[in-house]
């Protein structure tokens, strides 16, 4: 049984709960989203598996998940990156933000989402229970496609790109110096 860490808006731990129950009740919990870039500046995208309990088949950032109780965001992000994509790389924590959204199936995603950035030129080896496809895409082409077809992308990914992408760009500029 997968459990998530319940938190307040300042990321203070409040307890733990079974993942599906937390999504049914809409309780704020800790999560993370990993953005990976290659040496050409392209972003790695994954298309979520059709079996996911929300947002199936949608495109999103390289990897996203929840730390387990007694696991740090960094340890969980490294673990899940290997489990989902077969990739191991150095990650930098850039920021976190809170969002809440309701899905058509009645589930509520209410997350304090930690955003991490890394670099790799490896193509992923997809875990079929997590992702069904991947692509490397330039940020310009991605933003254009999101404007034309926003329904193809997960809600948290759209929030990050539309409201917080300058924080990721800052990290990219810093890493190139």
N, C-alpha and C. Protein backbone atom coordinates (compact mmCIF):
# COMPACT_ATOMS: atom_id res chain seq x y z
N UNK A 1 0.85 -1.18 0.00
CA UNK A 1 0.00 0.00 0.00
C UNK A 1 0.89 1.25 0.00
N UNK A 2 0.77 2.05 -1.06
CA UNK A 2 1.54 3.29 -1.16
C UNK A 2 0.96 4.35 -0.23
N UNK A 3 1.84 4.98 0.53
CA UNK A 3 1.41 6.07 1.41
C UNK A 3 2.08 7.36 0.97
N UNK A 4 1.41 8.48 1.23
CA UNK A 4 1.96 9.80 0.98
C UNK A 4 2.14 10.52 2.30
N UNK A 5 2.95 11.57 2.26
CA UNK A 5 3.21 12.38 3.45
C UNK A 5 2.30 13.60 3.41
N UNK A 6 1.43 13.72 4.40
CA UNK A 6 0.56 14.89 4.51
C UNK A 6 1.38 16.04 5.08
N UNK A 7 1.19 17.24 4.49
CA UNK A 7 1.96 18.41 4.90
C UNK A 7 1.06 19.63 4.98
N UNK A 8 1.59 20.70 5.60
CA UNK A 8 0.91 21.99 5.53
C UNK A 8 1.55 22.80 4.39
N UNK A 9 1.09 24.02 4.19
CA UNK A 9 1.58 24.84 3.07
C UNK A 9 3.05 25.22 3.18
N UNK A 10 3.64 25.04 4.36
CA UNK A 10 5.07 25.32 4.55
C UNK A 10 5.91 24.05 4.51
N UNK A 11 5.31 22.95 4.08
CA UNK A 11 5.97 21.65 3.95
C UNK A 11 6.32 21.01 5.28
N UNK A 12 5.61 21.39 6.34
CA UNK A 12 5.78 20.71 7.63
C UNK A 12 4.94 19.44 7.62
N UNK A 13 5.55 18.33 8.03
CA UNK A 13 4.87 17.04 8.03
C UNK A 13 3.75 17.00 9.05
N UNK A 14 2.59 16.49 8.63
CA UNK A 14 1.43 16.37 9.51
C UNK A 14 1.04 14.92 9.77
N UNK A 15 1.52 14.02 8.94
CA UNK A 15 1.16 12.61 9.08
C UNK A 15 1.32 11.90 7.76
N UNK A 16 0.72 10.73 7.66
CA UNK A 16 0.78 9.96 6.42
C UNK A 16 -0.59 9.35 6.17
N UNK A 17 -0.82 8.97 4.91
CA UNK A 17 -2.11 8.42 4.53
C UNK A 17 -1.92 7.59 3.26
N UNK A 18 -2.78 6.60 3.08
CA UNK A 18 -2.77 5.82 1.85
C UNK A 18 -3.02 6.78 0.68
N UNK A 19 -2.25 6.60 -0.41
CA UNK A 19 -2.25 7.54 -1.53
C UNK A 19 -3.64 7.77 -2.11
N UNK A 20 -4.38 6.72 -2.39
CA UNK A 20 -5.70 6.89 -2.99
C UNK A 20 -6.64 7.64 -2.06
N UNK A 21 -6.59 7.34 -0.76
CA UNK A 21 -7.44 8.04 0.21
C UNK A 21 -7.13 9.53 0.24
N UNK A 22 -5.84 9.89 0.19
CA UNK A 22 -5.45 11.30 0.18
C UNK A 22 -6.00 12.00 -1.06
N UNK A 23 -6.03 11.30 -2.19
CA UNK A 23 -6.57 11.88 -3.42
C UNK A 23 -8.10 11.91 -3.41
N UNK A 24 -8.73 10.99 -2.70
CA UNK A 24 -10.18 11.02 -2.57
C UNK A 24 -10.63 12.17 -1.68
N UNK A 25 -9.85 12.44 -0.61
CA UNK A 25 -10.20 13.49 0.35
C UNK A 25 -9.63 14.86 -0.03
N UNK A 26 -8.70 14.90 -0.97
CA UNK A 26 -8.11 16.16 -1.40
C UNK A 26 -7.19 16.78 -0.36
N UNK A 27 -6.51 15.94 0.43
CA UNK A 27 -5.62 16.46 1.47
C UNK A 27 -4.25 16.81 0.89
N UNK A 28 -3.69 17.89 1.38
CA UNK A 28 -2.40 18.38 0.90
C UNK A 28 -1.30 17.38 1.26
N UNK A 29 -0.52 16.99 0.25
CA UNK A 29 0.55 16.03 0.47
C UNK A 29 1.77 16.41 -0.38
N UNK A 30 2.91 15.87 0.01
CA UNK A 30 4.19 16.17 -0.62
C UNK A 30 4.32 15.39 -1.93
N UNK A 31 4.82 16.06 -2.95
CA UNK A 31 5.04 15.43 -4.25
C UNK A 31 6.27 16.06 -4.88
N UNK A 32 6.68 15.52 -6.01
CA UNK A 32 7.79 16.14 -6.74
C UNK A 32 7.60 15.95 -8.24
N UNK A 33 8.19 16.88 -8.99
CA UNK A 33 8.18 16.84 -10.45
C UNK A 33 9.61 17.07 -10.92
N UNK A 34 10.10 16.17 -11.77
CA UNK A 34 11.46 16.25 -12.28
C UNK A 34 11.45 16.71 -13.73
N UNK A 35 12.27 17.69 -14.03
CA UNK A 35 12.46 18.19 -15.38
C UNK A 35 13.88 17.84 -15.81
N UNK A 36 14.00 17.13 -16.92
CA UNK A 36 15.31 16.75 -17.45
C UNK A 36 15.54 17.42 -18.80
N UNK A 37 16.76 17.88 -19.00
CA UNK A 37 17.16 18.54 -20.25
C UNK A 37 18.39 17.85 -20.78
N UNK A 38 18.54 17.86 -22.12
CA UNK A 38 19.75 17.31 -22.72
C UNK A 38 20.70 18.43 -23.14
N UNK A 39 21.83 18.07 -23.71
CA UNK A 39 22.85 19.06 -24.07
C UNK A 39 22.39 19.98 -25.20
N UNK A 40 21.31 19.61 -25.89
CA UNK A 40 20.75 20.48 -26.93
C UNK A 40 19.69 21.42 -26.37
N UNK A 41 19.44 21.35 -25.07
CA UNK A 41 18.44 22.21 -24.44
C UNK A 41 17.03 21.70 -24.57
N UNK A 42 16.87 20.47 -25.06
CA UNK A 42 15.53 19.90 -25.19
C UNK A 42 15.09 19.30 -23.86
N UNK A 43 13.77 19.31 -23.64
CA UNK A 43 13.17 18.78 -22.43
C UNK A 43 12.67 17.36 -22.69
N UNK A 44 12.89 16.46 -21.72
CA UNK A 44 12.36 15.10 -21.81
C UNK A 44 10.92 15.09 -21.30
N UNK A 45 10.03 14.58 -22.14
CA UNK A 45 8.62 14.47 -21.78
C UNK A 45 8.26 12.99 -21.73
N UNK A 46 7.32 12.64 -20.84
CA UNK A 46 6.77 11.29 -20.85
C UNK A 46 5.27 11.38 -21.03
N UNK A 47 4.73 10.38 -21.72
CA UNK A 47 3.29 10.24 -21.84
C UNK A 47 2.87 9.20 -20.82
N UNK A 48 2.00 9.61 -19.90
CA UNK A 48 1.58 8.74 -18.82
C UNK A 48 0.87 7.49 -19.34
N UNK A 49 1.09 6.40 -18.65
CA UNK A 49 0.45 5.13 -19.02
C UNK A 49 -1.07 5.27 -18.96
N UNK A 50 -1.74 4.52 -19.80
CA UNK A 50 -3.21 4.54 -19.82
C UNK A 50 -3.82 3.96 -18.55
N UNK A 51 -3.03 3.22 -17.78
CA UNK A 51 -3.53 2.60 -16.55
C UNK A 51 -3.47 3.52 -15.33
N UNK A 52 -2.91 4.74 -15.47
CA UNK A 52 -2.82 5.66 -14.33
C UNK A 52 -4.22 6.05 -13.85
N UNK A 53 -4.38 6.20 -12.53
CA UNK A 53 -5.73 6.47 -11.99
C UNK A 53 -6.20 7.90 -12.21
N UNK A 54 -5.33 8.80 -12.57
CA UNK A 54 -5.76 10.10 -13.08
C UNK A 54 -4.76 10.57 -14.14
N UNK A 55 -5.22 11.38 -15.03
CA UNK A 55 -4.43 11.94 -16.13
C UNK A 55 -3.79 10.87 -17.02
N UNK A 56 -4.49 9.76 -17.28
CA UNK A 56 -3.89 8.72 -18.13
C UNK A 56 -3.69 9.22 -19.56
N UNK A 57 -2.58 8.83 -20.16
CA UNK A 57 -2.32 9.16 -21.55
C UNK A 57 -1.89 10.59 -21.81
N UNK A 58 -1.81 11.41 -20.76
CA UNK A 58 -1.42 12.81 -20.95
C UNK A 58 0.11 12.95 -20.92
N UNK A 59 0.60 13.97 -21.59
CA UNK A 59 2.03 14.28 -21.59
C UNK A 59 2.37 15.12 -20.37
N UNK A 60 3.55 14.88 -19.84
CA UNK A 60 3.99 15.61 -18.65
C UNK A 60 5.51 15.62 -18.61
N UNK A 61 6.05 16.21 -17.55
CA UNK A 61 7.50 16.27 -17.36
C UNK A 61 8.08 14.87 -17.20
N UNK A 62 9.40 14.78 -17.17
CA UNK A 62 10.10 13.50 -17.21
C UNK A 62 9.61 12.51 -16.17
N UNK A 63 9.37 12.96 -14.94
CA UNK A 63 9.00 12.05 -13.86
C UNK A 63 8.30 12.84 -12.77
N UNK A 64 7.27 12.26 -12.20
CA UNK A 64 6.60 12.89 -11.05
C UNK A 64 6.04 11.79 -10.16
N UNK A 65 6.10 12.05 -8.85
CA UNK A 65 5.65 11.04 -7.90
C UNK A 65 5.55 11.65 -6.50
N UNK A 66 5.56 10.77 -5.50
CA UNK A 66 5.46 11.17 -4.09
C UNK A 66 6.55 10.48 -3.30
N UNK A 67 7.20 11.20 -2.37
CA UNK A 67 8.12 10.49 -1.46
C UNK A 67 7.31 9.61 -0.50
N UNK A 68 7.91 8.52 -0.11
CA UNK A 68 7.29 7.65 0.89
C UNK A 68 7.58 8.21 2.28
N UNK A 69 6.80 7.83 3.29
CA UNK A 69 7.13 8.26 4.65
C UNK A 69 8.58 7.92 4.98
N UNK A 70 9.25 8.81 5.67
CA UNK A 70 10.66 8.68 6.07
C UNK A 70 11.63 8.70 4.88
N UNK A 71 11.20 9.25 3.76
CA UNK A 71 12.06 9.38 2.59
C UNK A 71 12.12 10.85 2.18
N UNK A 72 13.31 11.35 1.91
CA UNK A 72 13.44 12.75 1.49
C UNK A 72 12.97 12.90 0.05
N UNK A 73 12.66 14.13 -0.33
CA UNK A 73 12.28 14.42 -1.71
C UNK A 73 13.40 14.01 -2.65
N UNK A 74 14.65 14.33 -2.30
CA UNK A 74 15.78 14.01 -3.17
C UNK A 74 15.96 12.50 -3.32
N UNK A 75 15.89 11.76 -2.21
CA UNK A 75 16.03 10.30 -2.29
C UNK A 75 14.89 9.69 -3.13
N UNK A 76 13.68 10.16 -2.90
CA UNK A 76 12.53 9.64 -3.65
C UNK A 76 12.64 9.98 -5.13
N UNK A 77 13.09 11.19 -5.44
CA UNK A 77 13.19 11.58 -6.85
C UNK A 77 14.24 10.74 -7.57
N UNK A 78 15.36 10.48 -6.92
CA UNK A 78 16.38 9.62 -7.53
C UNK A 78 15.85 8.20 -7.72
N UNK A 79 15.15 7.68 -6.73
CA UNK A 79 14.58 6.33 -6.80
C UNK A 79 13.58 6.22 -7.94
N UNK A 80 12.65 7.16 -8.01
CA UNK A 80 11.60 7.10 -9.01
C UNK A 80 12.13 7.34 -10.43
N UNK A 81 13.15 8.15 -10.56
CA UNK A 81 13.75 8.39 -11.87
C UNK A 81 14.29 7.08 -12.44
N UNK A 82 14.93 6.29 -11.60
CA UNK A 82 15.44 4.98 -12.03
C UNK A 82 14.27 4.02 -12.29
N UNK A 83 13.28 3.99 -11.38
CA UNK A 83 12.15 3.06 -11.53
C UNK A 83 11.31 3.34 -12.77
N UNK A 84 11.07 4.63 -13.05
CA UNK A 84 10.20 5.00 -14.18
C UNK A 84 10.93 5.04 -15.50
N UNK A 85 12.18 5.55 -15.49
CA UNK A 85 12.88 5.84 -16.74
C UNK A 85 14.22 5.14 -16.90
N UNK A 86 14.70 4.46 -15.87
CA UNK A 86 16.00 3.83 -15.97
C UNK A 86 17.15 4.82 -16.06
N UNK A 87 16.94 6.03 -15.55
CA UNK A 87 17.95 7.09 -15.62
C UNK A 87 18.41 7.46 -14.22
N UNK A 88 19.71 7.67 -14.09
CA UNK A 88 20.27 8.17 -12.85
C UNK A 88 21.10 9.40 -13.19
N UNK A 89 20.79 10.53 -12.58
CA UNK A 89 21.52 11.76 -12.86
C UNK A 89 21.42 12.69 -11.66
N UNK A 90 22.30 13.65 -11.56
CA UNK A 90 22.30 14.65 -10.50
C UNK A 90 21.09 15.57 -10.67
N UNK A 91 20.39 15.85 -9.59
CA UNK A 91 19.22 16.72 -9.61
C UNK A 91 19.43 17.90 -8.68
N UNK A 92 18.87 19.03 -9.06
CA UNK A 92 18.91 20.24 -8.23
C UNK A 92 17.48 20.62 -7.87
N UNK A 93 17.22 20.82 -6.58
CA UNK A 93 15.90 21.27 -6.12
C UNK A 93 15.80 22.76 -6.41
N UNK A 94 14.77 23.16 -7.16
CA UNK A 94 14.66 24.58 -7.54
C UNK A 94 13.62 25.36 -6.74
N UNK A 95 12.46 24.75 -6.48
CA UNK A 95 11.41 25.45 -5.72
C UNK A 95 10.29 24.45 -5.45
N UNK A 96 9.28 24.90 -4.69
CA UNK A 96 8.05 24.12 -4.57
C UNK A 96 6.87 25.06 -4.63
N UNK A 97 5.71 24.51 -4.99
CA UNK A 97 4.49 25.31 -5.08
C UNK A 97 3.32 24.41 -4.72
N UNK A 98 2.21 25.03 -4.39
CA UNK A 98 1.00 24.29 -4.01
C UNK A 98 -0.06 24.46 -5.08
N UNK A 99 -0.73 23.38 -5.41
CA UNK A 99 -1.86 23.46 -6.32
C UNK A 99 -2.93 22.44 -5.91
N UNK A 100 -4.14 22.71 -6.39
CA UNK A 100 -5.27 21.83 -6.11
C UNK A 100 -6.14 21.77 -7.36
N UNK A 101 -6.50 20.57 -7.77
CA UNK A 101 -7.37 20.41 -8.94
C UNK A 101 -8.24 19.18 -8.75
N UNK A 102 -9.44 19.23 -9.28
CA UNK A 102 -10.37 18.11 -9.21
C UNK A 102 -10.45 17.46 -10.58
N UNK A 103 -10.46 16.13 -10.59
CA UNK A 103 -10.54 15.38 -11.83
C UNK A 103 -11.96 14.88 -12.06
N UNK A 104 -12.27 14.53 -13.30
CA UNK A 104 -13.61 14.05 -13.66
C UNK A 104 -14.00 12.78 -12.92
N UNK A 105 -12.99 11.99 -12.51
CA UNK A 105 -13.30 10.73 -11.81
C UNK A 105 -13.52 10.91 -10.31
N UNK A 106 -13.58 12.18 -9.85
CA UNK A 106 -13.86 12.46 -8.45
C UNK A 106 -12.62 12.60 -7.57
N UNK A 107 -11.46 12.26 -8.09
CA UNK A 107 -10.23 12.41 -7.31
C UNK A 107 -9.78 13.87 -7.29
N UNK A 108 -9.08 14.23 -6.22
CA UNK A 108 -8.60 15.59 -6.04
C UNK A 108 -7.09 15.54 -5.83
N UNK A 109 -6.38 16.27 -6.66
CA UNK A 109 -4.93 16.37 -6.50
C UNK A 109 -4.65 17.67 -5.76
N UNK A 110 -4.14 17.56 -4.54
CA UNK A 110 -3.80 18.73 -3.74
C UNK A 110 -2.37 18.50 -3.25
N UNK A 111 -1.42 19.10 -3.97
CA UNK A 111 -0.03 18.77 -3.73
C UNK A 111 0.83 20.00 -3.42
N UNK A 112 1.82 19.74 -2.60
CA UNK A 112 2.93 20.66 -2.44
C UNK A 112 4.04 20.02 -3.28
N UNK A 113 4.21 20.55 -4.48
CA UNK A 113 5.03 19.92 -5.51
C UNK A 113 6.43 20.53 -5.54
N UNK A 114 7.43 19.71 -5.22
CA UNK A 114 8.84 20.12 -5.27
C UNK A 114 9.33 19.90 -6.70
N UNK A 115 9.95 20.91 -7.29
CA UNK A 115 10.41 20.83 -8.68
C UNK A 115 11.92 20.69 -8.69
N UNK A 116 12.38 19.64 -9.38
CA UNK A 116 13.81 19.35 -9.48
C UNK A 116 14.21 19.36 -10.95
N UNK A 117 15.47 19.77 -11.19
CA UNK A 117 15.98 19.87 -12.56
C UNK A 117 17.26 19.06 -12.67
N UNK A 118 17.41 18.36 -13.79
CA UNK A 118 18.62 17.59 -14.05
C UNK A 118 18.95 17.57 -15.53
N UNK A 119 20.08 16.96 -15.84
CA UNK A 119 20.58 16.92 -17.21
C UNK A 119 21.00 15.50 -17.55
N UNK A 120 20.67 15.07 -18.78
CA UNK A 120 21.10 13.76 -19.26
C UNK A 120 20.99 13.75 -20.77
N UNK A 121 21.81 12.95 -21.40
CA UNK A 121 21.68 12.70 -22.83
C UNK A 121 21.20 11.28 -23.09
N UNK A 122 20.84 10.58 -22.01
CA UNK A 122 20.33 9.20 -22.12
C UNK A 122 18.87 9.22 -22.55
N UNK A 123 18.51 8.29 -23.41
CA UNK A 123 17.10 8.06 -23.67
C UNK A 123 16.58 7.14 -22.57
N UNK A 124 15.36 7.36 -22.11
CA UNK A 124 14.84 6.53 -21.03
C UNK A 124 14.51 5.11 -21.48
N UNK A 125 14.50 4.22 -20.51
CA UNK A 125 13.97 2.87 -20.68
C UNK A 125 12.67 2.87 -19.88
N UNK A 126 11.56 2.99 -20.57
CA UNK A 126 10.28 3.24 -19.91
C UNK A 126 9.77 2.03 -19.14
N UNK A 127 9.27 2.30 -17.94
CA UNK A 127 8.51 1.32 -17.16
C UNK A 127 7.07 1.42 -17.68
N UNK A 128 6.59 0.39 -18.34
CA UNK A 128 5.29 0.43 -19.02
C UNK A 128 4.11 0.70 -18.08
N UNK A 129 4.26 0.42 -16.79
CA UNK A 129 3.16 0.72 -15.86
C UNK A 129 3.13 2.20 -15.51
N UNK A 130 4.15 2.94 -15.87
CA UNK A 130 4.23 4.38 -15.57
C UNK A 130 4.07 5.26 -16.80
N UNK A 131 4.73 4.87 -17.90
CA UNK A 131 4.73 5.72 -19.10
C UNK A 131 4.65 4.85 -20.34
N UNK A 132 3.97 5.39 -21.37
CA UNK A 132 3.84 4.61 -22.60
C UNK A 132 4.66 5.19 -23.75
N UNK A 133 5.20 6.40 -23.59
CA UNK A 133 6.02 7.00 -24.65
C UNK A 133 6.85 8.12 -24.05
N UNK A 134 7.87 8.52 -24.80
CA UNK A 134 8.68 9.69 -24.40
C UNK A 134 9.05 10.47 -25.65
N UNK A 135 9.45 11.70 -25.43
CA UNK A 135 9.99 12.51 -26.51
C UNK A 135 10.89 13.59 -25.92
N UNK A 136 11.88 13.97 -26.69
CA UNK A 136 12.70 15.14 -26.40
C UNK A 136 12.14 16.26 -27.27
N UNK A 137 11.90 17.42 -26.67
CA UNK A 137 11.28 18.51 -27.41
C UNK A 137 11.89 19.84 -26.98
N UNK A 138 12.02 20.75 -27.94
CA UNK A 138 12.52 22.09 -27.59
C UNK A 138 11.44 22.81 -26.79
N UNK A 139 11.85 23.68 -25.92
CA UNK A 139 10.89 24.42 -25.10
C UNK A 139 9.97 25.25 -25.99
N UNK A 140 10.53 25.84 -27.05
CA UNK A 140 9.71 26.65 -27.97
C UNK A 140 8.61 25.81 -28.61
N UNK A 141 8.97 24.63 -29.12
CA UNK A 141 7.96 23.77 -29.74
C UNK A 141 6.94 23.26 -28.72
N UNK A 142 7.41 22.99 -27.52
CA UNK A 142 6.51 22.55 -26.46
C UNK A 142 5.50 23.63 -26.12
N UNK A 143 5.96 24.85 -25.92
CA UNK A 143 5.05 25.94 -25.56
C UNK A 143 4.02 26.19 -26.67
N UNK A 144 4.46 26.08 -27.91
CA UNK A 144 3.53 26.25 -29.03
C UNK A 144 2.48 25.14 -29.03
N UNK A 145 2.90 23.90 -28.82
CA UNK A 145 1.95 22.79 -28.79
C UNK A 145 1.00 22.92 -27.61
N UNK A 146 1.50 23.38 -26.47
CA UNK A 146 0.62 23.57 -25.30
C UNK A 146 -0.44 24.63 -25.58
N UNK A 147 -0.07 25.68 -26.30
CA UNK A 147 -1.06 26.71 -26.65
C UNK A 147 -2.12 26.13 -27.60
N UNK A 148 -1.68 25.29 -28.54
CA UNK A 148 -2.60 24.73 -29.54
C UNK A 148 -3.43 23.57 -28.99
N UNK A 149 -2.86 22.77 -28.08
CA UNK A 149 -3.54 21.57 -27.59
C UNK A 149 -3.33 21.38 -26.09
N UNK A 150 -3.82 22.29 -25.26
CA UNK A 150 -3.57 22.19 -23.81
C UNK A 150 -4.14 20.93 -23.18
N UNK A 151 -5.15 20.33 -23.79
CA UNK A 151 -5.78 19.13 -23.24
C UNK A 151 -4.86 17.91 -23.26
N UNK A 152 -3.74 17.97 -23.97
CA UNK A 152 -2.80 16.85 -24.07
C UNK A 152 -1.85 16.77 -22.88
N UNK A 153 -1.89 17.77 -21.97
CA UNK A 153 -0.88 17.90 -20.91
C UNK A 153 -1.51 17.84 -19.52
N UNK A 154 -0.73 17.34 -18.56
CA UNK A 154 -1.21 17.28 -17.17
C UNK A 154 -1.35 18.69 -16.58
N UNK A 155 -2.23 18.80 -15.62
CA UNK A 155 -2.50 20.10 -15.00
C UNK A 155 -1.27 20.66 -14.30
N UNK A 156 -0.53 19.84 -13.54
CA UNK A 156 0.63 20.36 -12.82
C UNK A 156 1.72 20.81 -13.78
N UNK A 157 1.87 20.11 -14.89
CA UNK A 157 2.87 20.49 -15.89
C UNK A 157 2.51 21.85 -16.49
N UNK A 158 1.24 22.06 -16.81
CA UNK A 158 0.80 23.36 -17.35
C UNK A 158 1.01 24.47 -16.34
N UNK A 159 0.72 24.21 -15.08
CA UNK A 159 0.93 25.23 -14.04
C UNK A 159 2.41 25.59 -13.95
N UNK A 160 3.27 24.59 -13.92
CA UNK A 160 4.71 24.86 -13.81
C UNK A 160 5.18 25.67 -15.01
N UNK A 161 4.82 25.25 -16.22
CA UNK A 161 5.30 25.97 -17.40
C UNK A 161 4.70 27.36 -17.51
N UNK A 162 3.43 27.51 -17.18
CA UNK A 162 2.78 28.81 -17.33
C UNK A 162 3.06 29.78 -16.20
N UNK A 163 3.33 29.28 -14.98
CA UNK A 163 3.47 30.18 -13.84
C UNK A 163 4.84 30.19 -13.20
N UNK A 164 5.66 29.15 -13.43
CA UNK A 164 6.92 29.03 -12.69
C UNK A 164 8.14 28.73 -13.56
N UNK A 165 7.97 28.72 -14.89
CA UNK A 165 9.07 28.25 -15.72
C UNK A 165 10.31 29.13 -15.62
N UNK A 166 10.15 30.39 -15.27
CA UNK A 166 11.33 31.27 -15.15
C UNK A 166 12.28 30.77 -14.06
N UNK A 167 11.76 30.07 -13.06
CA UNK A 167 12.62 29.51 -12.01
C UNK A 167 13.46 28.36 -12.57
N UNK A 168 12.88 27.58 -13.45
CA UNK A 168 13.63 26.49 -14.10
C UNK A 168 14.66 27.08 -15.05
N UNK A 169 14.26 28.11 -15.80
CA UNK A 169 15.19 28.76 -16.73
C UNK A 169 16.39 29.35 -16.00
N UNK A 170 16.14 29.91 -14.81
CA UNK A 170 17.23 30.45 -14.00
C UNK A 170 18.24 29.37 -13.66
N UNK A 171 17.73 28.20 -13.29
CA UNK A 171 18.61 27.07 -12.98
C UNK A 171 19.39 26.63 -14.22
N UNK A 172 18.74 26.63 -15.37
CA UNK A 172 19.41 26.25 -16.62
C UNK A 172 20.54 27.23 -16.94
N UNK A 173 20.25 28.53 -16.78
CA UNK A 173 21.29 29.54 -17.05
C UNK A 173 22.45 29.40 -16.07
N UNK A 174 22.13 29.15 -14.81
CA UNK A 174 23.17 29.00 -13.78
C UNK A 174 24.05 27.79 -14.09
N UNK A 175 23.46 26.70 -14.54
CA UNK A 175 24.22 25.48 -14.82
C UNK A 175 25.13 25.63 -16.02
N UNK A 176 24.76 26.52 -16.96
CA UNK A 176 25.59 26.70 -18.16
C UNK A 176 26.77 27.61 -17.90
N UNK A 177 26.79 28.34 -16.80
CA UNK A 177 27.89 29.28 -16.51
C UNK A 177 29.13 28.55 -16.04
